[in-house]
PDB file of N, CA and C in Angstrom:
ATOM      1  N   UNK A   1     -56.662  56.156 -45.502  1.00  0.00           N
ATOM      2  CA  UNK A   1     -55.741  55.120 -45.259  1.00  0.00           C
ATOM      3  C   UNK A   1     -55.244  54.854 -46.610  1.00  0.00           C
ATOM      4  N   UNK A   2     -54.377  54.512 -46.943  1.00  0.00           N
ATOM      5  CA  UNK A   2     -53.512  54.793 -48.351  1.00  0.00           C
ATOM      6  C   UNK A   2     -53.043  52.903 -48.649  1.00  0.00           C
ATOM      7  N   UNK A   3     -52.783  52.667 -49.942  1.00  0.00           N
ATOM      8  CA  UNK A   3     -52.295  51.332 -50.246  1.00  0.00           C
ATOM      9  C   UNK A   3     -50.934  51.305 -50.468  1.00  0.00           C
ATOM     10  N   UNK A   4     -50.135  50.199 -50.091  1.00  0.00           N
ATOM     11  CA  UNK A   4     -48.929  49.997 -50.249  1.00  0.00           C
ATOM     12  C   UNK A   4     -48.277  48.627 -50.815  1.00  0.00           C
ATOM     13  N   UNK A   5     -47.415  48.541 -51.753  1.00  0.00           N
ATOM     14  CA  UNK A   5     -47.557  47.229 -52.349  1.00  0.00           C
ATOM     15  C   UNK A   5     -46.023  46.738 -51.601  1.00  0.00           C
ATOM     16  N   UNK A   6     -46.081  45.856 -51.263  1.00  0.00           N
ATOM     17  CA  UNK A   6     -45.010  45.213 -50.495  1.00  0.00           C
ATOM     18  C   UNK A   6     -44.394  44.154 -51.403  1.00  0.00           C
ATOM     19  N   UNK A   7     -43.263  44.081 -51.950  1.00  0.00           N
ATOM     20  CA  UNK A   7     -42.613  43.477 -52.651  1.00  0.00           C
ATOM     21  C   UNK A   7     -41.185  42.552 -51.966  1.00  0.00           C
ATOM     22  N   UNK A   8     -41.655  41.491 -51.808  1.00  0.00           N
ATOM     23  CA  UNK A   8     -40.781  40.401 -50.908  1.00  0.00           C
ATOM     24  C   UNK A   8     -39.551  39.855 -51.948  1.00  0.00           C
ATOM     25  N   UNK A   9     -38.000  40.286 -51.261  1.00  0.00           N
ATOM     26  CA  UNK A   9     -36.967  39.726 -52.386  1.00  0.00           C
ATOM     27  C   UNK A   9     -35.901  39.028 -51.490  1.00  0.00           C
ATOM     28  N   UNK A  10     -35.583  38.567 -52.732  1.00  0.00           N
ATOM     29  CA  UNK A  10     -34.374  37.477 -52.220  1.00  0.00           C
ATOM     30  C   UNK A  10     -33.215  36.942 -53.316  1.00  0.00           C
ATOM     31  N   UNK A  11     -32.246  37.206 -52.752  1.00  0.00           N
ATOM     32  CA  UNK A  11     -31.018  36.364 -53.873  1.00  0.00           C
ATOM     33  C   UNK A  11     -30.356  35.330 -53.882  1.00  0.00           C
ATOM     34  N   UNK A  12     -29.840  34.644 -54.579  1.00  0.00           N
ATOM     35  CA  UNK A  12     -28.645  33.604 -54.241  1.00  0.00           C
ATOM     36  C   UNK A  12     -27.808  33.904 -52.844  1.00  0.00           C
ATOM     37  N   UNK A  13     -27.403  35.189 -53.234  1.00  0.00           N
ATOM     38  CA  UNK A  13     -26.248  35.526 -52.259  1.00  0.00           C
ATOM     39  C   UNK A  13     -27.045  35.429 -50.632  1.00  0.00           C
ATOM     40  N   UNK A  14     -28.204  36.087 -50.824  1.00  0.00           N
ATOM     41  CA  UNK A  14     -28.895  36.125 -49.271  1.00  0.00           C
ATOM     42  C   UNK A  14     -29.197  34.756 -48.875  1.00  0.00           C
ATOM     43  N   UNK A  15     -29.541  33.901 -49.532  1.00  0.00           N
ATOM     44  CA  UNK A  15     -29.820  32.511 -49.132  1.00  0.00           C
ATOM     45  C   UNK A  15     -28.387  31.547 -48.707  1.00  0.00           C
ATOM     46  N   UNK A  16     -27.467  32.150 -49.704  1.00  0.00           N
ATOM     47  CA  UNK A  16     -25.807  31.325 -48.990  1.00  0.00           C
ATOM     48  C   UNK A  16     -25.547  32.224 -47.876  1.00  0.00           C
ATOM     49  N   UNK A  17     -25.540  33.575 -47.843  1.00  0.00           N
ATOM     50  CA  UNK A  17     -25.609  33.953 -46.698  1.00  0.00           C
ATOM     51  C   UNK A  17     -25.985  33.532 -45.147  1.00  0.00           C
ATOM     52  N   UNK A  18     -27.430  33.089 -45.335  1.00  0.00           N
ATOM     53  CA  UNK A  18     -28.448  32.757 -43.954  1.00  0.00           C
ATOM     54  C   UNK A  18     -27.717  31.597 -43.826  1.00  0.00           C
ATOM     55  N   UNK A  19     -26.793  30.715 -44.362  1.00  0.00           N
ATOM     56  CA  UNK A  19     -26.641  29.366 -44.036  1.00  0.00           C
ATOM     57  C   UNK A  19     -27.615  28.544 -44.733  1.00  0.00           C
ATOM     58  N   UNK A  20     -28.782  28.892 -45.358  1.00  0.00           N
ATOM     59  CA  UNK A  20     -29.987  27.816 -45.755  1.00  0.00           C
ATOM     60  C   UNK A  20     -29.408  26.813 -46.350  1.00  0.00           C
ATOM     61  N   UNK A  21     -28.451  27.121 -47.082  1.00  0.00           N
ATOM     62  CA  UNK A  21     -28.151  25.712 -48.305  1.00  0.00           C
ATOM     63  C   UNK A  21     -27.119  24.693 -47.403  1.00  0.00           C
ATOM     64  N   UNK A  22     -26.510  25.123 -46.661  1.00  0.00           N
ATOM     65  CA  UNK A  22     -25.738  24.155 -45.287  1.00  0.00           C
ATOM     66  C   UNK A  22     -26.798  23.446 -44.561  1.00  0.00           C
ATOM     67  N   UNK A  23     -28.132  23.808 -44.327  1.00  0.00           N
ATOM     68  CA  UNK A  23     -29.114  22.690 -43.945  1.00  0.00           C
ATOM     69  C   UNK A  23     -29.343  21.536 -44.597  1.00  0.00           C
ATOM     70  N   UNK A  24     -29.717  20.846 -43.969  1.00  0.00           N
ATOM     71  CA  UNK A  24     -30.017  19.193 -44.279  1.00  0.00           C
ATOM     72  C   UNK A  24     -31.325  19.509 -45.232  1.00  0.00           C
ATOM     73  N   UNK A  25     -31.758  18.908 -45.413  1.00  0.00           N
ATOM     74  CA  UNK A  25     -33.087  18.666 -46.448  1.00  0.00           C
ATOM     75  C   UNK A  25     -34.425  18.800 -45.211  1.00  0.00           C
ATOM     76  N   UNK A  26     -34.243  17.907 -44.214  1.00  0.00           N
ATOM     77  CA  UNK A  26     -34.993  17.800 -43.031  1.00  0.00           C
ATOM     78  C   UNK A  26     -35.197  19.205 -42.127  1.00  0.00           C
ATOM     79  N   UNK A  27     -34.082  19.770 -41.953  1.00  0.00           N
ATOM     80  CA  UNK A  27     -33.959  21.180 -41.322  1.00  0.00           C
ATOM     81  C   UNK A  27     -34.469  22.089 -42.037  1.00  0.00           C
ATOM     82  N   UNK A  28     -33.855  22.154 -43.679  1.00  0.00           N
ATOM     83  CA  UNK A  28     -34.943  23.008 -44.363  1.00  0.00           C
ATOM     84  C   UNK A  28     -36.172  22.754 -44.245  1.00  0.00           C
ATOM     85  N   UNK A  29     -36.600  21.588 -44.184  1.00  0.00           N
ATOM     86  CA  UNK A  29     -38.292  21.278 -44.726  1.00  0.00           C
ATOM     87  C   UNK A  29     -39.020  21.940 -42.954  1.00  0.00           C
ATOM     88  N   UNK A  30     -38.305  21.642 -41.840  1.00  0.00           N
ATOM     89  CA  UNK A  30     -38.645  22.092 -40.945  1.00  0.00           C
ATOM     90  C   UNK A  30     -38.626  23.587 -40.828  1.00  0.00           C
ATOM     91  N   UNK A  31     -37.461  24.222 -40.885  1.00  0.00           N
ATOM     92  CA  UNK A  31     -37.981  25.841 -41.212  1.00  0.00           C
ATOM     93  C   UNK A  31     -38.795  26.354 -41.954  1.00  0.00           C
ATOM     94  N   UNK A  32     -39.104  25.551 -43.209  1.00  0.00           N
ATOM     95  CA  UNK A  32     -39.998  26.121 -43.967  1.00  0.00           C
ATOM     96  C   UNK A  32     -41.512  26.288 -43.316  1.00  0.00           C
ATOM     97  N   UNK A  33     -41.849  25.112 -42.678  1.00  0.00           N
ATOM     98  CA  UNK A  33     -42.926  24.610 -41.913  1.00  0.00           C
ATOM     99  C   UNK A  33     -43.160  25.722 -40.408  1.00  0.00           C
ATOM    100  N   UNK A  34     -41.889  26.063 -39.965  1.00  0.00           N
ATOM    101  CA  UNK A  34     -42.085  27.178 -39.023  1.00  0.00           C
ATOM    102  C   UNK A  34     -42.640  28.517 -39.665  1.00  0.00           C
ATOM    103  N   UNK A  35     -41.566  28.800 -40.829  1.00  0.00           N
ATOM    104  CA  UNK A  35     -41.711  30.048 -41.421  1.00  0.00           C
ATOM    105  C   UNK A  35     -43.439  30.041 -42.083  1.00  0.00           C
ATOM    106  N   UNK A  36     -43.876  29.037 -42.548  1.00  0.00           N
ATOM    107  CA  UNK A  36     -45.079  29.207 -42.917  1.00  0.00           C
ATOM    108  C   UNK A  36     -45.801  29.554 -41.673  1.00  0.00           C
ATOM    109  N   UNK A  37     -45.745  28.652 -40.617  1.00  0.00           N
ATOM    110  CA  UNK A  37     -47.097  29.260 -39.379  1.00  0.00           C
ATOM    111  C   UNK A  37     -46.621  30.769 -39.099  1.00  0.00           C
ATOM    112  N   UNK A  38     -45.673  31.399 -38.875  1.00  0.00           N
ATOM    113  CA  UNK A  38     -45.319  32.366 -38.637  1.00  0.00           C
ATOM    114  C   UNK A  38     -45.803  33.369 -39.614  1.00  0.00           C
ATOM    115  N   UNK A  39     -45.924  33.291 -40.837  1.00  0.00           N
ATOM    116  CA  UNK A  39     -46.167  34.042 -41.987  1.00  0.00           C
ATOM    117  C   UNK A  39     -47.331  34.087 -41.583  1.00  0.00           C
ATOM    118  N   UNK A  40     -48.118  33.219 -41.622  1.00  0.00           N
ATOM    119  CA  UNK A  40     -50.254  33.005 -41.292  1.00  0.00           C
ATOM    120  C   UNK A  40     -50.268  33.483 -40.086  1.00  0.00           C
ATOM    121  N   UNK A  41     -49.271  33.551 -39.070  1.00  0.00           N
ATOM    122  CA  UNK A  41     -49.650  34.322 -37.986  1.00  0.00           C
ATOM    123  C   UNK A  41     -49.557  35.521 -38.110  1.00  0.00           C
ATOM    124  N   UNK A  42     -48.450  36.296 -38.839  1.00  0.00           N
ATOM    125  CA  UNK A  42     -48.567  37.306 -39.315  1.00  0.00           C
ATOM    126  C   UNK A  42     -49.337  37.903 -40.164  1.00  0.00           C
ATOM    127  N   UNK A  43     -50.144  37.298 -41.040  1.00  0.00           N
ATOM    128  CA  UNK A  43     -51.343  37.863 -41.426  1.00  0.00           C
ATOM    129  C   UNK A  43     -52.263  37.685 -40.781  1.00  0.00           C
ATOM    130  N   UNK A  44     -52.863  37.228 -39.958  1.00  0.00           N
ATOM    131  CA  UNK A  44     -53.757  37.260 -39.355  1.00  0.00           C
ATOM    132  C   UNK A  44     -53.534  38.111 -38.158  1.00  0.00           C
ATOM    133  N   UNK A  45     -52.276  38.453 -37.725  1.00  0.00           N
ATOM    134  CA  UNK A  45     -52.259  39.565 -36.808  1.00  0.00           C
ATOM    135  C   UNK A  45     -52.407  40.936 -37.675  1.00  0.00           C
ATOM    136  N   UNK A  46     -52.293  41.000 -39.001  1.00  0.00           N
ATOM    137  CA  UNK A  46     -52.245  42.135 -39.642  1.00  0.00           C
ATOM    138  C   UNK A  46     -53.538  42.433 -40.793  1.00  0.00           C
ATOM    139  N   UNK A  47     -54.595  41.292 -40.420  1.00  0.00           N
ATOM    140  CA  UNK A  47     -55.426  41.210 -41.311  1.00  0.00           C
ATOM    141  C   UNK A  47     -56.307  42.140 -41.663  1.00  0.00           C
ATOM    142  N   UNK A  48     -56.513  43.261 -40.597  1.00  0.00           N
ATOM    143  CA  UNK A  48     -57.299  44.435 -41.175  1.00  0.00           C
ATOM    144  C   UNK A  48     -56.449  45.292 -41.959  1.00  0.00           C
ATOM    145  N   UNK A  49     -55.297  45.209 -41.978  1.00  0.00           N
ATOM    146  CA  UNK A  49     -54.313  46.042 -42.757  1.00  0.00           C
ATOM    147  C   UNK A  49     -54.243  45.207 -44.581  1.00  0.00           C
ATOM    148  N   UNK A  50     -54.407  43.971 -44.476  1.00  0.00           N
ATOM    149  CA  UNK A  50     -54.012  43.417 -45.883  1.00  0.00           C
ATOM    150  C   UNK A  50     -55.249  43.524 -46.679  1.00  0.00           C
ATOM    151  N   UNK A  51     -54.907  44.056 -47.697  1.00  0.00           N
ATOM    152  CA  UNK A  51     -55.966  44.382 -48.869  1.00  0.00           C
ATOM    153  C   UNK A  51     -56.069  43.173 -50.182  1.00  0.00           C
ATOM    154  N   UNK A  52     -54.554  42.852 -50.024  1.00  0.00           N
ATOM    155  CA  UNK A  52     -54.317  41.861 -51.499  1.00  0.00           C
ATOM    156  C   UNK A  52     -53.226  40.971 -50.445  1.00  0.00           C
ATOM    157  N   UNK A  53     -53.736  39.581 -50.643  1.00  0.00           N
ATOM    158  CA  UNK A  53     -52.947  38.389 -49.480  1.00  0.00           C
ATOM    159  C   UNK A  53     -51.481  38.580 -50.501  1.00  0.00           C
ATOM    160  N   UNK A  54     -52.084  38.677 -51.925  1.00  0.00           N
ATOM    161  CA  UNK A  54     -50.472  38.189 -52.732  1.00  0.00           C
ATOM    162  C   UNK A  54     -50.188  37.106 -52.551  1.00  0.00           C
ATOM    163  N   UNK A  55     -49.035  36.713 -52.897  1.00  0.00           N
ATOM    164  CA  UNK A  55     -48.466  35.177 -53.142  1.00  0.00           C
ATOM    165  C   UNK A  55     -47.160  35.325 -53.598  1.00  0.00           C
ATOM    166  N   UNK A  56     -46.518  34.007 -53.610  1.00  0.00           N
ATOM    167  CA  UNK A  56     -44.882  33.582 -54.427  1.00  0.00           C
ATOM    168  C   UNK A  56     -45.057  34.162 -55.435  1.00  0.00           C
ATOM    169  N   UNK A  57     -44.137  34.360 -56.333  1.00  0.00           N
ATOM    170  CA  UNK A  57     -44.403  34.607 -57.843  1.00  0.00           C
ATOM    171  C   UNK A  57     -43.084  33.831 -58.306  1.00  0.00           C
ATOM    172  N   UNK A  58     -43.698  33.230 -59.569  1.00  0.00           N
ATOM    173  CA  UNK A  58     -42.546  32.250 -60.390  1.00  0.00           C
ATOM    174  C   UNK A  58     -41.994  33.135 -61.526  1.00  0.00           C
ATOM    175  N   UNK A  59     -41.481  32.258 -62.201  1.00  0.00           N
ATOM    176  CA  UNK A  59     -40.276  33.151 -63.454  1.00  0.00           C
ATOM    177  C   UNK A  59     -40.508  34.080 -63.771  1.00  0.00           C
ATOM    178  N   UNK A  60     -39.386  34.630 -64.459  1.00  0.00           N
ATOM    179  CA  UNK A  60     -39.923  36.403 -65.074  1.00  0.00           C
ATOM    180  C   UNK A  60     -39.771  36.485 -66.352  1.00  0.00           C
ATOM    181  N   UNK A  61     -40.870  36.948 -67.446  1.00  0.00           N
ATOM    182  CA  UNK A  61     -40.341  37.102 -68.977  1.00  0.00           C
ATOM    183  C   UNK A  61     -40.747  38.662 -68.578  1.00  0.00           C
ATOM    184  N   UNK A  62     -39.957  39.279 -69.395  1.00  0.00           N
ATOM    185  CA  UNK A  62     -39.722  40.608 -69.640  1.00  0.00           C
ATOM    186  C   UNK A  62     -39.981  40.978 -71.273  1.00  0.00           C
ATOM    187  N   UNK A  63     -41.394  42.165 -71.393  1.00  0.00           N
ATOM    188  CA  UNK A  63     -41.799  42.617 -72.616  1.00  0.00           C
ATOM    189  C   UNK A  63     -41.021  44.052 -72.703  1.00  0.00           C
ATOM    190  N   UNK A  64     -40.358  44.094 -73.941  1.00  0.00           N
ATOM    191  CA  UNK A  64     -39.702  45.716 -74.358  1.00  0.00           C
ATOM    192  C   UNK A  64     -39.764  46.062 -75.729  1.00  0.00           C
ATOM    193  N   UNK A  65     -39.406  46.710 -75.964  1.00  0.00           N
ATOM    194  CA  UNK A  65     -39.891  46.889 -77.691  1.00  0.00           C
ATOM    195  C   UNK A  65     -38.779  45.997 -78.691  1.00  0.00           C
ATOM    196  N   UNK A  66     -37.635  45.129 -77.940  1.00  0.00           N
ATOM    197  CA  UNK A  66     -36.738  44.596 -78.040  1.00  0.00           C
ATOM    198  C   UNK A  66     -37.674  42.814 -78.245  1.00  0.00           C
ATOM    199  N   UNK A  67     -38.785  43.055 -77.585  1.00  0.00           N
ATOM    200  CA  UNK A  67     -39.849  41.366 -77.726  1.00  0.00           C
ATOM    201  C   UNK A  67     -39.621  41.210 -75.992  1.00  0.00           C
ATOM    202  N   UNK A  68     -40.231  39.593 -76.245  1.00  0.00           N
ATOM    203  CA  UNK A  68     -40.008  38.853 -75.051  1.00  0.00           C
ATOM    204  C   UNK A  68     -39.106  38.073 -74.632  1.00  0.00           C
ATOM    205  N   UNK A  69     -38.468  38.444 -73.433  1.00  0.00           N
ATOM    206  CA  UNK A  69     -37.345  37.659 -72.927  1.00  0.00           C
ATOM    207  C   UNK A  69     -37.288  36.821 -71.722  1.00  0.00           C
ATOM    208  N   UNK A  70     -36.712  35.844 -71.392  1.00  0.00           N
ATOM    209  CA  UNK A  70     -36.632  35.519 -69.758  1.00  0.00           C
ATOM    210  C   UNK A  70     -35.883  36.502 -69.146  1.00  0.00           C
ATOM    211  N   UNK A  71     -36.015  36.913 -68.103  1.00  0.00           N
ATOM    212  CA  UNK A  71     -35.504  37.823 -67.326  1.00  0.00           C
ATOM    213  C   UNK A  71     -35.141  37.181 -65.814  1.00  0.00           C
ATOM    214  N   UNK A  72     -34.373  37.719 -65.056  1.00  0.00           N
ATOM    215  CA  UNK A  72     -34.126  37.355 -63.788  1.00  0.00           C
ATOM    216  C   UNK A  72     -33.890  38.897 -62.601  1.00  0.00           C
ATOM    217  N   UNK A  73     -35.089  38.626 -61.375  1.00  0.00           N
ATOM    218  CA  UNK A  73     -35.048  39.900 -60.669  1.00  0.00           C
ATOM    219  C   UNK A  73     -34.934  39.128 -59.073  1.00  0.00           C
ATOM    220  N   UNK A  74     -34.868  39.682 -58.089  1.00  0.00           N
ATOM    221  CA  UNK A  74     -35.226  39.438 -56.932  1.00  0.00           C
ATOM    222  C   UNK A  74     -36.252  39.322 -56.237  1.00  0.00           C
ATOM    223  N   UNK A  75     -37.791  39.725 -57.055  1.00  0.00           N
ATOM    224  CA  UNK A  75     -38.853  39.434 -56.304  1.00  0.00           C
ATOM    225  C   UNK A  75     -39.095  38.175 -56.217  1.00  0.00           C
ATOM    226  N   UNK A  76     -39.947  37.649 -55.260  1.00  0.00           N
ATOM    227  CA  UNK A  76     -40.357  36.455 -54.831  1.00  0.00           C
ATOM    228  C   UNK A  76     -41.675  36.356 -54.444  1.00  0.00           C
ATOM    229  N   UNK A  77     -42.211  37.398 -54.076  1.00  0.00           N
ATOM    230  CA  UNK A  77     -43.611  37.573 -53.432  1.00  0.00           C
ATOM    231  C   UNK A  77     -44.172  38.775 -53.533  1.00  0.00           C
ATOM    232  N   UNK A  78     -45.457  38.899 -53.127  1.00  0.00           N
ATOM    233  CA  UNK A  78     -45.694  40.574 -53.008  1.00  0.00           C
ATOM    234  C   UNK A  78     -46.917  40.172 -52.129  1.00  0.00           C
ATOM    235  N   UNK A  79     -47.703  41.426 -51.558  1.00  0.00           N
ATOM    236  CA  UNK A  79     -48.998  41.578 -50.978  1.00  0.00           C
ATOM    237  C   UNK A  79     -49.272  42.955 -50.851  1.00  0.00           C
ATOM    238  N   UNK A  80     -50.553  43.580 -50.611  1.00  0.00           N
ATOM    239  CA  UNK A  80     -50.880  44.756 -50.512  1.00  0.00           C
ATOM    240  C   UNK A  80     -51.222  45.074 -49.285  1.00  0.00           C
ATOM    241  N   UNK A  81     -50.758  46.003 -48.660  1.00  0.00           N
ATOM    242  CA  UNK A  81     -51.389  46.796 -47.118  1.00  0.00           C
ATOM    243  C   UNK A  81     -52.059  47.867 -47.171  1.00  0.00           C
ATOM    244  N   UNK A  82     -52.795  48.244 -46.456  1.00  0.00           N
ATOM    245  CA  UNK A  82     -53.143  49.907 -46.061  1.00  0.00           C
ATOM    246  C   UNK A  82     -52.668  49.984 -44.701  1.00  0.00           C
ATOM    247  N   UNK A  83     -52.435  51.200 -44.939  1.00  0.00           N
ATOM    248  CA  UNK A  83     -51.824  52.089 -43.574  1.00  0.00           C
ATOM    249  C   UNK A  83     -51.639  53.625 -43.770  1.00  0.00           C
ATOM    250  N   UNK A  84     -51.730  54.229 -42.369  1.00  0.00           N
ATOM    251  CA  UNK A  84     -51.690  55.671 -42.531  1.00  0.00           C
ATOM    252  C   UNK A  84     -50.996  56.301 -43.388  1.00  0.00           C
ATOM    253  N   UNK A  85     -49.516  55.912 -43.280  1.00  0.00           N
ATOM    254  CA  UNK A  85     -48.113  56.350 -43.799  1.00  0.00           C
ATOM    255  C   UNK A  85     -47.594  55.438 -44.321  1.00  0.00           C
ATOM    256  N   UNK A  86     -46.463  55.790 -45.237  1.00  0.00           N
ATOM    257  CA  UNK A  86     -45.103  54.963 -45.836  1.00  0.00           C
ATOM    258  C   UNK A  86     -44.496  54.309 -44.449  1.00  0.00           C
ATOM    259  N   UNK A  87     -44.451  55.063 -43.471  1.00  0.00           N
ATOM    260  CA  UNK A  87     -43.469  54.559 -42.394  1.00  0.00           C
ATOM    261  C   UNK A  87     -44.111  53.377 -41.569  1.00  0.00           C
ATOM    262  N   UNK A  88     -45.819  53.857 -41.624  1.00  0.00           N
ATOM    263  CA  UNK A  88     -46.239  52.725 -40.530  1.00  0.00           C
ATOM    264  C   UNK A  88     -46.642  51.326 -41.515  1.00  0.00           C
ATOM    265  N   UNK A  89     -46.669  51.518 -42.714  1.00  0.00           N
ATOM    266  CA  UNK A  89     -46.517  50.441 -43.421  1.00  0.00           C
ATOM    267  C   UNK A  89     -45.563  49.436 -43.493  1.00  0.00           C
ATOM    268  N   UNK A  90     -44.605  50.108 -43.543  1.00  0.00           N
ATOM    269  CA  UNK A  90     -42.873  49.842 -43.644  1.00  0.00           C
ATOM    270  C   UNK A  90     -42.943  48.982 -42.340  1.00  0.00           C
ATOM    271  N   UNK A  91     -43.429  49.682 -41.217  1.00  0.00           N
ATOM    272  CA  UNK A  91     -43.156  48.983 -39.692  1.00  0.00           C
ATOM    273  C   UNK A  91     -44.089  47.769 -39.806  1.00  0.00           C
ATOM    274  N   UNK A  92     -44.926  47.433 -40.305  1.00  0.00           N
ATOM    275  CA  UNK A  92     -45.964  46.053 -40.365  1.00  0.00           C
ATOM    276  C   UNK A  92     -44.484  45.115 -40.430  1.00  0.00           C
ATOM    277  N   UNK A  93     -43.816  45.393 -41.552  1.00  0.00           N
ATOM    278  CA  UNK A  93     -43.182  44.260 -41.764  1.00  0.00           C
ATOM    279  C   UNK A  93     -41.342  43.979 -40.929  1.00  0.00           C
ATOM    280  N   UNK A  94     -41.454  45.098 -40.197  1.00  0.00           N
ATOM    281  CA  UNK A  94     -40.124  44.584 -39.215  1.00  0.00           C
ATOM    282  C   UNK A  94     -40.136  43.224 -38.695  1.00  0.00           C
ATOM    283  N   UNK A  95     -39.064  42.296 -38.589  1.00  0.00           N
ATOM    284  CA  UNK A  95     -38.983  41.366 -38.257  1.00  0.00           C
ATOM    285  C   UNK A  95     -39.951  40.556 -38.865  1.00  0.00           C
ATOM    286  N   UNK A  96     -40.310  40.288 -39.963  1.00  0.00           N
ATOM    287  CA  UNK A  96     -40.972  39.435 -40.572  1.00  0.00           C
ATOM    288  C   UNK A  96     -40.489  38.234 -41.475  1.00  0.00           C
ATOM    289  N   UNK A  97     -41.411  36.820 -41.013  1.00  0.00           N
ATOM    290  CA  UNK A  97     -41.063  35.638 -41.125  1.00  0.00           C
ATOM    291  C   UNK A  97     -39.849  35.607 -42.572  1.00  0.00           C
ATOM    292  N   UNK A  98     -40.043  36.416 -43.432  1.00  0.00           N
ATOM    293  CA  UNK A  98     -39.547  36.340 -44.699  1.00  0.00           C
ATOM    294  C   UNK A  98     -38.105  36.450 -44.592  1.00  0.00           C
ATOM    295  N   UNK A  99     -37.318  37.181 -43.712  1.00  0.00           N
ATOM    296  CA  UNK A  99     -36.457  37.028 -43.504  1.00  0.00           C
ATOM    297  C   UNK A  99     -35.603  36.893 -41.994  1.00  0.00           C
ATOM    298  N   UNK A 100     -36.414  36.495 -41.252  1.00  0.00           N
ATOM    299  CA  UNK A 100     -36.366  36.113 -39.531  1.00  0.00           C
ATOM    300  C   UNK A 100     -36.264  34.707 -39.499  1.00  0.00           C
ATOM    301  N   UNK A 101     -37.270  33.862 -40.727  1.00  0.00           N
ATOM    302  CA  UNK A 101     -37.125  32.672 -40.285  1.00  0.00           C
ATOM    303  C   UNK A 101     -36.431  32.204 -42.055  1.00  0.00           C
ATOM    304  N   UNK A 102     -36.921  32.628 -42.949  1.00  0.00           N
ATOM    305  CA  UNK A 102     -36.503  32.066 -44.388  1.00  0.00           C
ATOM    306  C   UNK A 102     -35.219  32.665 -44.618  1.00  0.00           C
ATOM    307  N   UNK A 103     -34.872  32.640 -46.022  1.00  0.00           N
ATOM    308  CA  UNK A 103     -33.418  33.019 -46.419  1.00  0.00           C
ATOM    309  C   UNK A 103     -33.721  34.249 -47.204  1.00  0.00           C
ATOM    310  N   UNK A 104     -34.904  35.185 -46.900  1.00  0.00           N
ATOM    311  CA  UNK A 104     -35.453  36.358 -48.039  1.00  0.00           C
ATOM    312  C   UNK A 104     -34.284  37.322 -47.194  1.00  0.00           C
ATOM    313  N   UNK A 105     -34.256  38.160 -48.565  1.00  0.00           N
ATOM    314  CA  UNK A 105     -33.329  39.418 -48.111  1.00  0.00           C
ATOM    315  C   UNK A 105     -34.105  40.447 -47.448  1.00  0.00           C
ATOM    316  N   UNK A 106     -35.318  40.946 -48.123  1.00  0.00           N
ATOM    317  CA  UNK A 106     -35.895  42.074 -47.756  1.00  0.00           C
ATOM    318  C   UNK A 106     -37.280  42.061 -47.985  1.00  0.00           C
ATOM    319  N   UNK A 107     -37.942  43.270 -47.524  1.00  0.00           N
ATOM    320  CA  UNK A 107     -39.243  43.567 -48.006  1.00  0.00           C
ATOM    321  C   UNK A 107     -39.167  44.939 -48.240  1.00  0.00           C
ATOM    322  N   UNK A 108     -39.326  45.066 -49.641  1.00  0.00           N
ATOM    323  CA  UNK A 108     -39.712  46.475 -50.015  1.00  0.00           C
ATOM    324  C   UNK A 108     -41.055  47.293 -50.271  1.00  0.00           C
ATOM    325  N   UNK A 109     -41.154  48.533 -49.431  1.00  0.00           N
ATOM    326  CA  UNK A 109     -42.354  48.803 -49.840  1.00  0.00           C
ATOM    327  C   UNK A 109     -42.768  50.090 -50.366  1.00  0.00           C
ATOM    328  N   UNK A 110     -43.726  50.147 -51.244  1.00  0.00           N
ATOM    329  CA  UNK A 110     -43.939  51.449 -52.036  1.00  0.00           C
ATOM    330  C   UNK A 110     -45.251  51.962 -52.422  1.00  0.00           C
ATOM    331  N   UNK A 111     -45.804  53.228 -52.056  1.00  0.00           N
ATOM    332  CA  UNK A 111     -47.168  53.492 -52.093  1.00  0.00           C
ATOM    333  C   UNK A 111     -48.122  53.535 -53.559  1.00  0.00           C
ATOM    334  N   UNK A 112     -48.882  52.727 -53.418  1.00  0.00           N
ATOM    335  CA  UNK A 112     -49.674  52.281 -54.868  1.00  0.00           C
ATOM    336  C   UNK A 112     -50.438  54.060 -54.970  1.00  0.00           C
ATOM    337  N   UNK A 113     -49.965  54.391 -55.976  1.00  0.00           N
ATOM    338  CA  UNK A 113     -50.241  56.104 -56.144  1.00  0.00           C
ATOM    339  C   UNK A 113     -51.491  55.945 -57.174  1.00  0.00           C
ATOM    340  N   UNK A 114     -52.354  57.198 -57.048  1.00  0.00           N
ATOM    341  CA  UNK A 114     -53.496  56.924 -58.216  1.00  0.00           C
ATOM    342  C   UNK A 114     -53.157  57.045 -59.347  1.00  0.00           C
ATOM    343  N   UNK A 115     -53.940  56.705 -60.678  1.00  0.00           N
ATOM    344  CA  UNK A 115     -53.526  56.539 -61.705  1.00  0.00           C
ATOM    345  C   UNK A 115     -53.622  58.203 -62.179  1.00  0.00           C
ATOM    346  N   UNK A 116     -53.072  58.792 -62.908  1.00  0.00           N
ATOM    347  CA  UNK A 116     -52.945  60.243 -63.013  1.00  0.00           C
ATOM    348  C   UNK A 116     -53.995  60.418 -64.397  1.00  0.00           C
ATOM    349  N   UNK A 117     -54.801  61.227 -64.057  1.00  0.00           N
ATOM    350  CA  UNK A 117     -56.108  61.468 -65.177  1.00  0.00           C
ATOM    351  C   UNK A 117     -57.182  60.748 -64.719  1.00  0.00           C
ATOM    352  N   UNK A 118     -57.154  59.631 -63.720  1.00  0.00           N
ATOM    353  CA  UNK A 118     -58.488  58.980 -63.251  1.00  0.00           C
ATOM    354  C   UNK A 118     -59.571  59.642 -62.244  1.00  0.00           C
TER     355      UNK A 118
END
């Protein structure tokens, strides 16, 4: 089994396109509850493959030779899963609540490779 990093992405454009912003506050709250219930059900159904539960992520700082700066990207959460192949890992996220209930954009899956020379 290999490990794969799942990065949940979302943008202002995806949120607007989903109609989320047009929902009333109570409708957003109801959908959030439904989404969290579905997310927990997904975690339970896939618990034998979940290596790191992960979490939502906050604001970004970017560190470069130029120093530390505030930055913006589309990453909103992460998890690590194990699977036999990249394809199998990706299939785990088909229809995920991140974009089927929440206004998330996508889930990007990438293999966690060994550190060279380790």
